[in-house]
C-alpha cells in the first residue's frame, strides 16, 4: 500500500469498535485498560477520538482523547496506536493532524 491518505479512512469510532481498540492497544504494547473501558470511550468520547480503517474496514489505528470541560481549548490526548503492518506510513501523524483541526477543537 502507498503512504498517501487513500490507504485508510479516518472517522469517529463506533460502539462496536471498542473491542478492536482494546486488541490494538494490547498488541501495540500500550498500558491497556479493560475492554469495557474502550467500549465506554467509543460511546462517551467518539466526538474527540478517531479510528483508521483500511479498505476492508479493519481497524488499523486509533487516537483517543477528550476536551477538558473546565478548559474547552485543552485537548487531552489519551492513547495513540497503529497496527504494526501500518507503521512507517505517517498514520499516527495523519490522525493527530485530523484531531487537531477544526471542527474538533471547537467541541
N, C-alpha and C. Protein backbone atom coordinates (compact mmCIF):
# COMPACT_ATOMS: atom_id res chain seq x y z
N UNK A 1 0.84 -1.20 0.00
CA UNK A 1 0.00 0.00 0.00
C UNK A 1 0.86 1.24 0.00
N UNK A 2 0.31 2.30 -0.49
CA UNK A 2 1.04 3.55 -0.53
C UNK A 2 0.96 4.25 0.81
N UNK A 3 1.72 5.32 0.95
CA UNK A 3 1.70 6.07 2.20
C UNK A 3 0.81 7.30 2.10
N UNK A 4 -0.02 7.36 1.06
CA UNK A 4 -0.91 8.51 0.94
C UNK A 4 -2.18 8.28 1.75
N UNK A 5 -3.06 9.26 1.71
CA UNK A 5 -4.28 9.20 2.52
C UNK A 5 -5.29 8.17 2.02
N UNK A 6 -5.08 7.60 0.83
CA UNK A 6 -6.08 6.69 0.27
C UNK A 6 -6.04 5.29 0.89
N UNK A 7 -5.01 4.97 1.68
CA UNK A 7 -4.94 3.63 2.24
C UNK A 7 -5.76 3.45 3.50
N UNK A 8 -6.27 4.52 4.08
CA UNK A 8 -7.11 4.44 5.27
C UNK A 8 -8.19 5.51 5.22
N UNK A 9 -9.24 5.23 5.99
CA UNK A 9 -10.31 6.20 6.20
C UNK A 9 -10.28 6.57 7.68
N UNK A 10 -10.30 7.86 7.97
CA UNK A 10 -10.31 8.34 9.35
C UNK A 10 -11.73 8.76 9.70
N UNK A 11 -12.22 8.27 10.84
CA UNK A 11 -13.59 8.58 11.26
C UNK A 11 -13.73 8.38 12.76
N UNK A 12 -14.79 8.93 13.33
CA UNK A 12 -15.03 8.70 14.76
C UNK A 12 -15.30 7.21 15.01
N UNK A 13 -14.94 6.71 16.18
CA UNK A 13 -15.20 5.30 16.48
C UNK A 13 -16.68 5.05 16.72
N UNK A 14 -17.09 3.83 16.43
CA UNK A 14 -18.45 3.39 16.76
C UNK A 14 -18.37 2.55 18.03
N UNK A 15 -19.50 2.29 18.62
CA UNK A 15 -19.56 1.48 19.83
C UNK A 15 -18.93 0.10 19.59
N UNK A 16 -19.15 -0.47 18.42
CA UNK A 16 -18.59 -1.78 18.09
C UNK A 16 -17.07 -1.77 17.98
N UNK A 17 -16.46 -0.61 17.85
CA UNK A 17 -15.01 -0.52 17.72
C UNK A 17 -14.28 -0.72 19.04
N UNK A 18 -14.97 -0.65 20.16
CA UNK A 18 -14.31 -0.72 21.46
C UNK A 18 -13.43 -1.93 21.63
N UNK A 19 -13.91 -3.10 21.26
CA UNK A 19 -13.11 -4.32 21.43
C UNK A 19 -11.89 -4.31 20.52
N UNK A 20 -12.03 -3.69 19.34
CA UNK A 20 -10.90 -3.61 18.42
C UNK A 20 -9.83 -2.63 18.92
N UNK A 21 -10.27 -1.54 19.55
CA UNK A 21 -9.31 -0.61 20.17
C UNK A 21 -8.52 -1.34 21.25
N UNK A 22 -9.21 -2.12 22.06
CA UNK A 22 -8.55 -2.87 23.13
C UNK A 22 -7.51 -3.83 22.54
N UNK A 23 -7.89 -4.56 21.49
CA UNK A 23 -6.97 -5.52 20.87
C UNK A 23 -5.75 -4.81 20.28
N UNK A 24 -5.98 -3.68 19.62
CA UNK A 24 -4.87 -2.94 19.03
C UNK A 24 -3.97 -2.34 20.10
N UNK A 25 -4.56 -1.83 21.16
CA UNK A 25 -3.77 -1.28 22.26
C UNK A 25 -2.90 -2.38 22.88
N UNK A 26 -3.49 -3.52 23.11
CA UNK A 26 -2.76 -4.64 23.70
C UNK A 26 -1.63 -5.09 22.78
N UNK A 27 -1.91 -5.19 21.49
CA UNK A 27 -0.90 -5.62 20.52
C UNK A 27 0.18 -4.60 20.28
N UNK A 28 -0.08 -3.34 20.63
CA UNK A 28 0.89 -2.26 20.42
C UNK A 28 1.77 -2.02 21.63
N UNK A 29 1.52 -2.74 22.72
CA UNK A 29 2.34 -2.58 23.92
C UNK A 29 1.96 -1.38 24.76
N UNK A 30 0.79 -0.81 24.56
CA UNK A 30 0.34 0.30 25.39
C UNK A 30 -0.07 -0.19 26.77
N UNK A 31 -0.17 0.73 27.71
CA UNK A 31 -0.74 0.44 29.01
C UNK A 31 -2.23 0.23 28.77
N UNK A 32 -2.69 -1.00 28.83
CA UNK A 32 -4.03 -1.35 28.38
C UNK A 32 -5.06 -1.20 29.49
N UNK A 33 -6.16 -0.59 29.13
CA UNK A 33 -7.33 -0.51 30.01
C UNK A 33 -8.18 -1.75 29.79
N UNK A 34 -9.27 -1.89 30.52
CA UNK A 34 -10.14 -3.05 30.34
C UNK A 34 -10.87 -2.94 28.99
N UNK A 35 -11.27 -4.06 28.42
CA UNK A 35 -12.03 -4.00 27.16
C UNK A 35 -13.27 -3.11 27.29
N UNK A 36 -13.93 -3.19 28.44
CA UNK A 36 -15.14 -2.39 28.66
C UNK A 36 -14.82 -0.89 28.64
N UNK A 37 -13.65 -0.50 29.13
CA UNK A 37 -13.28 0.91 29.13
C UNK A 37 -13.19 1.44 27.70
N UNK A 38 -12.70 0.63 26.78
CA UNK A 38 -12.61 1.07 25.39
C UNK A 38 -14.00 1.20 24.76
N UNK A 39 -14.91 0.33 25.14
CA UNK A 39 -16.29 0.45 24.66
C UNK A 39 -16.89 1.76 25.17
N UNK A 40 -16.69 2.04 26.46
CA UNK A 40 -17.19 3.30 27.02
C UNK A 40 -16.54 4.50 26.34
N UNK A 41 -15.24 4.40 26.07
CA UNK A 41 -14.55 5.50 25.40
C UNK A 41 -15.19 5.78 24.05
N UNK A 42 -15.49 4.71 23.30
CA UNK A 42 -16.11 4.87 21.98
C UNK A 42 -17.51 5.46 22.09
N UNK A 43 -18.18 5.22 23.18
CA UNK A 43 -19.50 5.80 23.39
C UNK A 43 -19.42 7.24 23.84
N UNK A 44 -18.61 7.50 24.86
CA UNK A 44 -18.62 8.81 25.50
C UNK A 44 -17.68 9.84 24.88
N UNK A 45 -16.65 9.40 24.19
CA UNK A 45 -15.67 10.33 23.62
C UNK A 45 -15.45 10.12 22.13
N UNK A 46 -16.45 9.61 21.44
CA UNK A 46 -16.34 9.38 20.00
C UNK A 46 -16.09 10.68 19.24
N UNK A 47 -16.65 11.78 19.72
CA UNK A 47 -16.50 13.06 19.02
C UNK A 47 -15.09 13.62 19.09
N UNK A 48 -14.29 13.11 20.01
CA UNK A 48 -12.92 13.62 20.18
C UNK A 48 -11.88 12.52 20.00
N UNK A 49 -12.28 11.44 19.35
CA UNK A 49 -11.39 10.32 19.08
C UNK A 49 -11.53 9.92 17.62
N UNK A 50 -10.58 9.16 17.12
CA UNK A 50 -10.60 8.72 15.72
C UNK A 50 -10.16 7.28 15.61
N UNK A 51 -10.67 6.62 14.58
CA UNK A 51 -10.13 5.33 14.18
C UNK A 51 -9.71 5.43 12.72
N UNK A 52 -8.76 4.60 12.35
CA UNK A 52 -8.30 4.50 10.97
C UNK A 52 -8.66 3.10 10.48
N UNK A 53 -9.36 3.03 9.35
CA UNK A 53 -9.77 1.75 8.77
C UNK A 53 -9.10 1.57 7.42
N UNK A 54 -8.72 0.32 7.13
CA UNK A 54 -8.19 0.05 5.80
C UNK A 54 -9.35 -0.17 4.85
N UNK A 55 -9.05 -0.52 3.61
CA UNK A 55 -10.11 -0.66 2.61
C UNK A 55 -11.03 -1.84 2.84
N UNK A 56 -10.68 -2.74 3.78
CA UNK A 56 -11.58 -3.84 4.14
C UNK A 56 -12.46 -3.49 5.33
N UNK A 57 -12.20 -2.33 5.94
CA UNK A 57 -12.93 -1.91 7.13
C UNK A 57 -12.26 -2.29 8.43
N UNK A 58 -11.11 -2.98 8.34
CA UNK A 58 -10.39 -3.39 9.56
C UNK A 58 -9.76 -2.17 10.23
N UNK A 59 -9.80 -2.16 11.55
CA UNK A 59 -9.22 -1.07 12.32
C UNK A 59 -7.70 -1.18 12.31
N UNK A 60 -7.01 -0.12 11.86
CA UNK A 60 -5.56 -0.11 11.74
C UNK A 60 -4.87 0.90 12.64
N UNK A 61 -5.66 1.76 13.29
CA UNK A 61 -5.09 2.73 14.20
C UNK A 61 -6.19 3.47 14.93
N UNK A 62 -5.80 4.12 16.02
CA UNK A 62 -6.77 4.96 16.74
C UNK A 62 -6.06 6.03 17.54
N UNK A 63 -6.81 7.07 17.81
CA UNK A 63 -6.41 8.14 18.73
C UNK A 63 -7.59 8.33 19.67
N UNK A 64 -7.32 8.34 20.97
CA UNK A 64 -8.37 8.63 21.95
C UNK A 64 -7.96 9.86 22.74
N UNK A 65 -8.94 10.68 23.03
CA UNK A 65 -8.71 11.88 23.81
C UNK A 65 -10.03 12.58 24.08
N UNK A 66 -9.94 13.66 24.82
CA UNK A 66 -11.16 14.42 25.13
C UNK A 66 -10.80 15.88 25.39
N UNK A 67 -11.81 16.72 25.30
CA UNK A 67 -11.66 18.14 25.62
C UNK A 67 -12.04 18.32 27.08
N UNK A 68 -11.18 18.97 27.83
CA UNK A 68 -11.44 19.17 29.25
C UNK A 68 -12.61 20.14 29.43
N UNK A 69 -13.64 19.76 30.20
CA UNK A 69 -14.81 20.63 30.38
C UNK A 69 -14.47 22.00 30.96
N UNK A 70 -13.54 22.06 31.90
CA UNK A 70 -13.20 23.34 32.52
C UNK A 70 -12.20 24.14 31.69
N UNK A 71 -11.69 23.55 30.62
CA UNK A 71 -10.73 24.23 29.75
C UNK A 71 -11.02 23.80 28.31
N UNK A 72 -12.07 24.32 27.70
CA UNK A 72 -12.50 23.84 26.39
C UNK A 72 -11.49 24.03 25.26
N UNK A 73 -10.43 24.77 25.51
CA UNK A 73 -9.39 24.90 24.50
C UNK A 73 -8.24 23.91 24.73
N UNK A 74 -8.43 22.97 25.69
CA UNK A 74 -7.40 22.00 26.01
C UNK A 74 -7.87 20.60 25.63
N UNK A 75 -7.10 19.96 24.75
CA UNK A 75 -7.37 18.59 24.33
C UNK A 75 -6.43 17.67 25.09
N UNK A 76 -6.98 16.67 25.78
CA UNK A 76 -6.18 15.69 26.50
C UNK A 76 -6.05 14.45 25.62
N UNK A 77 -4.86 14.18 25.14
CA UNK A 77 -4.58 13.01 24.31
C UNK A 77 -4.34 11.82 25.23
N UNK A 78 -5.16 10.77 25.07
CA UNK A 78 -5.04 9.62 25.96
C UNK A 78 -4.14 8.54 25.36
N UNK A 79 -4.49 8.02 24.19
CA UNK A 79 -3.69 6.98 23.58
C UNK A 79 -3.65 7.13 22.06
N UNK A 80 -2.55 6.68 21.48
CA UNK A 80 -2.39 6.59 20.03
C UNK A 80 -1.82 5.21 19.74
N UNK A 81 -2.44 4.49 18.83
CA UNK A 81 -1.94 3.17 18.45
C UNK A 81 -2.05 3.00 16.94
N UNK A 82 -1.08 2.32 16.37
CA UNK A 82 -1.09 1.99 14.95
C UNK A 82 -0.70 0.52 14.80
N UNK A 83 -1.49 -0.20 14.02
CA UNK A 83 -1.21 -1.59 13.72
C UNK A 83 0.20 -1.71 13.14
N UNK A 84 0.94 -2.75 13.54
CA UNK A 84 2.33 -2.88 13.09
C UNK A 84 2.46 -2.91 11.57
N UNK A 85 1.48 -3.45 10.87
CA UNK A 85 1.53 -3.51 9.41
C UNK A 85 1.36 -2.13 8.77
N UNK A 86 0.89 -1.15 9.55
CA UNK A 86 0.66 0.19 9.01
C UNK A 86 1.63 1.22 9.57
N UNK A 87 2.62 0.80 10.31
CA UNK A 87 3.62 1.73 10.83
C UNK A 87 4.55 2.17 9.70
N UNK A 88 5.11 3.36 9.86
CA UNK A 88 6.01 3.90 8.85
C UNK A 88 5.28 4.59 7.71
N UNK A 89 3.98 4.77 7.83
CA UNK A 89 3.17 5.42 6.79
C UNK A 89 2.63 6.77 7.24
N UNK A 90 3.15 7.26 8.36
CA UNK A 90 2.73 8.54 8.92
C UNK A 90 1.24 8.52 9.33
N UNK A 91 0.72 7.35 9.64
CA UNK A 91 -0.68 7.24 10.03
C UNK A 91 -0.95 7.94 11.35
N UNK A 92 -0.08 7.76 12.34
CA UNK A 92 -0.28 8.46 13.61
C UNK A 92 -0.29 9.97 13.38
N UNK A 93 0.61 10.46 12.57
CA UNK A 93 0.67 11.89 12.26
C UNK A 93 -0.63 12.37 11.59
N UNK A 94 -1.12 11.58 10.63
CA UNK A 94 -2.37 11.96 9.96
C UNK A 94 -3.55 11.99 10.93
N UNK A 95 -3.60 11.02 11.85
CA UNK A 95 -4.69 11.01 12.83
C UNK A 95 -4.58 12.21 13.76
N UNK A 96 -3.38 12.52 14.21
CA UNK A 96 -3.19 13.66 15.11
C UNK A 96 -3.48 14.98 14.39
N UNK A 97 -3.10 15.09 13.14
CA UNK A 97 -3.44 16.29 12.37
C UNK A 97 -4.95 16.47 12.26
N UNK A 98 -5.66 15.37 12.03
CA UNK A 98 -7.12 15.44 11.92
C UNK A 98 -7.75 15.82 13.25
N UNK A 99 -7.26 15.24 14.34
CA UNK A 99 -7.78 15.57 15.67
C UNK A 99 -7.57 17.05 15.97
N UNK A 100 -6.45 17.59 15.55
CA UNK A 100 -6.12 18.98 15.85
C UNK A 100 -6.74 20.00 14.94
N UNK A 101 -7.47 19.57 13.93
CA UNK A 101 -8.05 20.54 13.00
C UNK A 101 -9.53 20.78 13.31
N UNK A 102 -10.02 21.95 13.00
CA UNK A 102 -11.44 22.23 13.21
C UNK A 102 -12.27 21.27 12.38
N UNK A 103 -13.46 20.91 12.79
CA UNK A 103 -14.22 21.48 13.90
C UNK A 103 -13.96 20.82 15.25
N UNK A 104 -13.12 19.80 15.31
CA UNK A 104 -12.92 19.08 16.56
C UNK A 104 -12.49 19.99 17.70
N UNK A 105 -11.58 20.92 17.45
CA UNK A 105 -11.09 21.78 18.51
C UNK A 105 -12.19 22.66 19.10
N UNK A 106 -13.25 22.88 18.38
CA UNK A 106 -14.32 23.76 18.88
C UNK A 106 -15.30 23.01 19.77
N UNK A 107 -15.20 21.72 19.87
CA UNK A 107 -16.15 20.96 20.68
C UNK A 107 -15.81 21.04 22.13
